[in-house]
């Protein structure tokens, strides 16, 4: 394998006033690889602050190394990116920062095929955002807790019970189980 193009380091320190970097930082110009020979490699180190990967996916940062390899069919992207996303606690709905490690390995096809999901145009621009969106969604846990003993929300008033109790009067027994309670009480009494 031929190693080409020195490692490129992309560092974005000035975040826009809306609080995140737009997804265009996830577009890479790889025309030099497309014009090169098979086996040519380029590595890129990412250290991107809060970025909007897609309309429904915003991550606190993206850090890691991506490897772009020229193949006979296009560009193979490989690497692992670390990030943190905000999820809601399953019990109290508080924001929970959740660390993710996203493995990326995908072939971007140069000549579009009907089955190819990811392609790279003749202009040499590779858009990593759609692939990252999919991988982040797949790595996102279905539920998280802010802490293992999270008390959740009061079902009556919505008070976060981790912050203190509420003044709601809760019926200790669901009325639908009253007949079962009466039967239990009757069976637990000694014979009279």
Protein backbone atom coordinates (compact mmCIF):
# COMPACT_ATOMS: atom_id res chain seq x y z
CA UNK A 1 0.00 0.00 0.00
CA UNK A 2 1.22 3.40 -0.89
CA UNK A 3 0.95 6.09 1.76
CA UNK A 4 0.12 9.49 0.36
CA UNK A 5 -0.74 12.95 1.54
CA UNK A 6 0.42 13.83 4.99
CA UNK A 7 -2.04 13.47 7.82
CA UNK A 8 -4.54 16.30 7.70
CA UNK A 9 -5.71 17.73 11.00
CA UNK A 10 -9.06 19.51 11.04
CA UNK A 11 -9.59 21.65 14.12
CA UNK A 12 -12.53 24.00 14.33
CA UNK A 13 -12.36 26.31 17.34
CA UNK A 14 -14.73 29.14 16.49
CA UNK A 15 -18.29 27.90 16.87
CA UNK A 16 -21.02 30.01 15.31
CA UNK A 17 -23.43 31.96 17.47
CA UNK A 18 -26.18 29.34 17.04
CA UNK A 19 -24.11 27.01 19.24
CA UNK A 20 -23.00 24.37 16.76
CA UNK A 21 -20.87 23.91 13.69
CA UNK A 22 -22.84 23.13 10.50
CA UNK A 23 -22.54 19.70 8.89
CA UNK A 24 -20.49 21.05 5.99
CA UNK A 25 -17.37 20.36 8.10
CA UNK A 26 -18.16 16.69 7.43
CA UNK A 27 -17.60 17.10 3.68
CA UNK A 28 -14.14 16.09 2.55
CA UNK A 29 -12.47 16.98 -0.75
CA UNK A 30 -10.78 13.75 -1.83
CA UNK A 31 -10.24 14.44 -5.54
CA UNK A 32 -6.50 13.83 -5.10
CA UNK A 33 -7.28 10.26 -3.96
CA UNK A 34 -9.61 9.63 -6.88
CA UNK A 35 -6.87 10.67 -9.29
CA UNK A 36 -4.32 8.54 -7.44
CA UNK A 37 -3.62 4.84 -7.65
CA UNK A 38 -5.42 2.05 -5.84
CA UNK A 39 -4.10 1.60 -2.33
CA UNK A 40 -3.35 5.28 -1.80
CA UNK A 41 -4.28 6.36 1.74
CA UNK A 42 -4.99 9.62 3.52
CA UNK A 43 -5.73 10.05 7.22
CA UNK A 44 -7.64 12.90 8.79
CA UNK A 45 -7.74 13.68 12.48
CA UNK A 46 -11.04 15.24 13.53
CA UNK A 47 -11.51 17.45 16.56
CA UNK A 48 -14.79 19.19 15.85
CA UNK A 49 -16.81 20.95 18.58
CA UNK A 50 -20.60 20.75 18.87
CA UNK A 51 -21.81 19.86 15.39
CA UNK A 52 -25.20 19.36 13.77
CA UNK A 53 -24.77 16.11 11.86
CA UNK A 54 -28.38 16.19 10.63
CA UNK A 55 -31.62 17.98 11.53
CA UNK A 56 -32.31 15.37 14.21
CA UNK A 57 -28.74 14.65 15.40
CA UNK A 58 -26.54 17.17 17.22
CA UNK A 59 -23.42 15.90 19.01
CA UNK A 60 -21.26 17.76 21.53
CA UNK A 61 -18.04 16.97 19.63
CA UNK A 62 -16.47 14.53 17.17
CA UNK A 63 -12.96 13.27 17.87
CA UNK A 64 -10.98 10.57 16.19
CA UNK A 65 -9.04 9.56 13.11
CA UNK A 66 -10.57 8.72 9.74
CA UNK A 67 -8.70 6.77 7.11
CA UNK A 68 -9.60 7.25 3.43
CA UNK A 69 -8.31 4.49 1.12
CA UNK A 70 -8.55 4.51 -2.67
CA UNK A 71 -10.02 1.28 -4.05
CA UNK A 72 -10.93 0.21 -7.56
CA UNK A 73 -14.58 1.14 -6.87
CA UNK A 74 -14.18 4.36 -4.89
CA UNK A 75 -13.08 5.46 -1.41
CA UNK A 76 -13.14 3.22 1.68
CA UNK A 77 -13.72 5.20 4.88
CA UNK A 78 -12.62 3.61 8.16
CA UNK A 79 -12.19 4.90 11.68
CA UNK A 80 -13.65 5.36 15.12
CA UNK A 81 -15.11 8.65 16.28
CA UNK A 82 -15.90 9.48 19.88
CA UNK A 83 -18.70 11.82 20.82
CA UNK A 84 -21.26 12.72 23.46
CA UNK A 85 -24.96 13.29 22.86
CA UNK A 86 -27.71 14.49 25.17
CA UNK A 87 -30.48 11.99 25.86
CA UNK A 88 -33.46 12.17 28.22
CA UNK A 89 -33.55 10.10 31.39
CA UNK A 90 -36.20 7.41 30.97
CA UNK A 91 -37.69 8.17 34.40
CA UNK A 92 -37.33 11.91 35.12
CA UNK A 93 -36.69 13.35 31.61
CA UNK A 94 -33.52 15.18 32.73
CA UNK A 95 -30.77 15.64 30.15
CA UNK A 96 -28.13 12.91 30.38
CA UNK A 97 -24.81 13.35 28.52
CA UNK A 98 -24.09 9.95 26.95
CA UNK A 99 -20.70 9.02 25.52
CA UNK A 100 -20.66 7.08 22.25
CA UNK A 101 -17.90 5.44 20.27
CA UNK A 102 -18.95 5.27 16.63
CA UNK A 103 -17.14 2.83 14.35
CA UNK A 104 -17.20 3.86 10.70
CA UNK A 105 -16.43 1.54 7.80
CA UNK A 106 -18.10 2.20 4.47
CA UNK A 107 -17.23 2.13 0.80
CA UNK A 108 -18.25 5.27 -1.10
CA UNK A 109 -18.77 4.16 -4.69
CA UNK A 110 -17.32 6.38 -7.43
CA UNK A 111 -19.67 5.33 -10.21
CA UNK A 112 -23.21 5.37 -8.79
CA UNK A 113 -24.82 1.95 -8.80
CA UNK A 114 -28.47 1.27 -8.17
CA UNK A 115 -27.69 -0.53 -4.89
CA UNK A 116 -25.04 1.92 -3.66
CA UNK A 117 -26.20 3.82 -0.62
CA UNK A 118 -23.14 6.06 -0.37
CA UNK A 119 -21.43 7.58 -3.38
CA UNK A 120 -18.69 10.07 -4.10
CA UNK A 121 -19.22 12.43 -7.00
CA UNK A 122 -16.79 13.21 -9.78
CA UNK A 123 -16.05 16.47 -7.95
CA UNK A 124 -14.32 14.37 -5.27
CA UNK A 125 -16.49 15.57 -2.36
CA UNK A 126 -17.33 12.87 0.18
CA UNK A 127 -20.21 13.76 2.54
CA UNK A 128 -19.77 11.84 5.79
CA UNK A 129 -22.87 13.30 7.53
CA UNK A 130 -25.50 10.77 6.30
CA UNK A 131 -23.31 7.82 7.32
CA UNK A 132 -22.52 9.37 10.71
CA UNK A 133 -26.22 10.02 11.33
CA UNK A 134 -27.02 6.35 10.75
CA UNK A 135 -24.15 5.09 12.89
CA UNK A 136 -24.92 7.48 15.77
CA UNK A 137 -28.58 6.45 15.77
CA UNK A 138 -27.59 2.77 15.80
CA UNK A 139 -25.19 3.33 18.72
CA UNK A 140 -27.67 5.37 20.77
CA UNK A 141 -29.06 3.34 23.69
CA UNK A 142 -32.84 2.95 23.76
CA UNK A 143 -33.05 4.18 27.36
CA UNK A 144 -30.72 5.85 29.85
CA UNK A 145 -31.00 6.84 33.50
CA UNK A 146 -29.55 9.98 35.05
CA UNK A 147 -28.55 7.81 38.03
CA UNK A 148 -29.29 4.18 38.92
CA UNK A 149 -31.74 5.08 41.70
CA UNK A 150 -33.63 7.78 39.80
CA UNK A 151 -37.00 8.33 41.50
CA UNK A 152 -38.67 9.63 38.33
CA UNK A 153 -41.63 11.99 38.10
CA UNK A 154 -44.81 12.11 40.19
CA UNK A 155 -47.59 10.67 38.03
CA UNK A 156 -50.04 13.25 39.39
CA UNK A 157 -48.24 16.61 39.29
CA UNK A 158 -45.05 15.88 37.33
CA UNK A 159 -42.67 16.91 40.14
CA UNK A 160 -39.16 15.53 39.70
CA UNK A 161 -38.94 13.29 42.78
CA UNK A 162 -35.13 13.46 42.70
CA UNK A 163 -35.40 17.13 43.68
CA UNK A 164 -37.88 16.56 46.50
CA UNK A 165 -41.24 15.07 47.29
CA UNK A 166 -44.55 16.56 46.25
CA UNK A 167 -47.82 17.12 48.14
CA UNK A 168 -49.96 14.84 46.01
CA UNK A 169 -52.25 12.43 47.83
CA UNK A 170 -51.74 9.07 46.21
CA UNK A 171 -54.11 6.26 46.78
CA UNK A 172 -52.07 3.42 48.17
CA UNK A 173 -54.07 0.77 46.36
CA UNK A 174 -55.29 0.76 42.81
CA UNK A 175 -59.11 0.41 43.08
CA UNK A 176 -59.04 -2.29 40.44
CA UNK A 177 -57.24 -4.55 42.92
CA UNK A 178 -59.65 -3.95 45.83
CA UNK A 179 -61.37 -7.32 45.37
CA UNK A 180 -58.03 -9.14 45.44
CA UNK A 181 -57.03 -7.26 48.61
CA UNK A 182 -60.29 -8.25 50.28
CA UNK A 183 -59.70 -11.90 49.34
CA UNK A 184 -56.12 -11.75 50.66
CA UNK A 185 -57.31 -10.22 53.92
CA UNK A 186 -59.99 -12.90 54.28
CA UNK A 187 -57.52 -15.73 53.63
CA UNK A 188 -54.86 -14.33 55.94
CA UNK A 189 -57.20 -14.13 58.99
CA UNK A 190 -57.14 -17.13 61.29
CA UNK A 191 -60.29 -19.28 61.20
CA UNK A 192 -62.91 -17.77 63.42
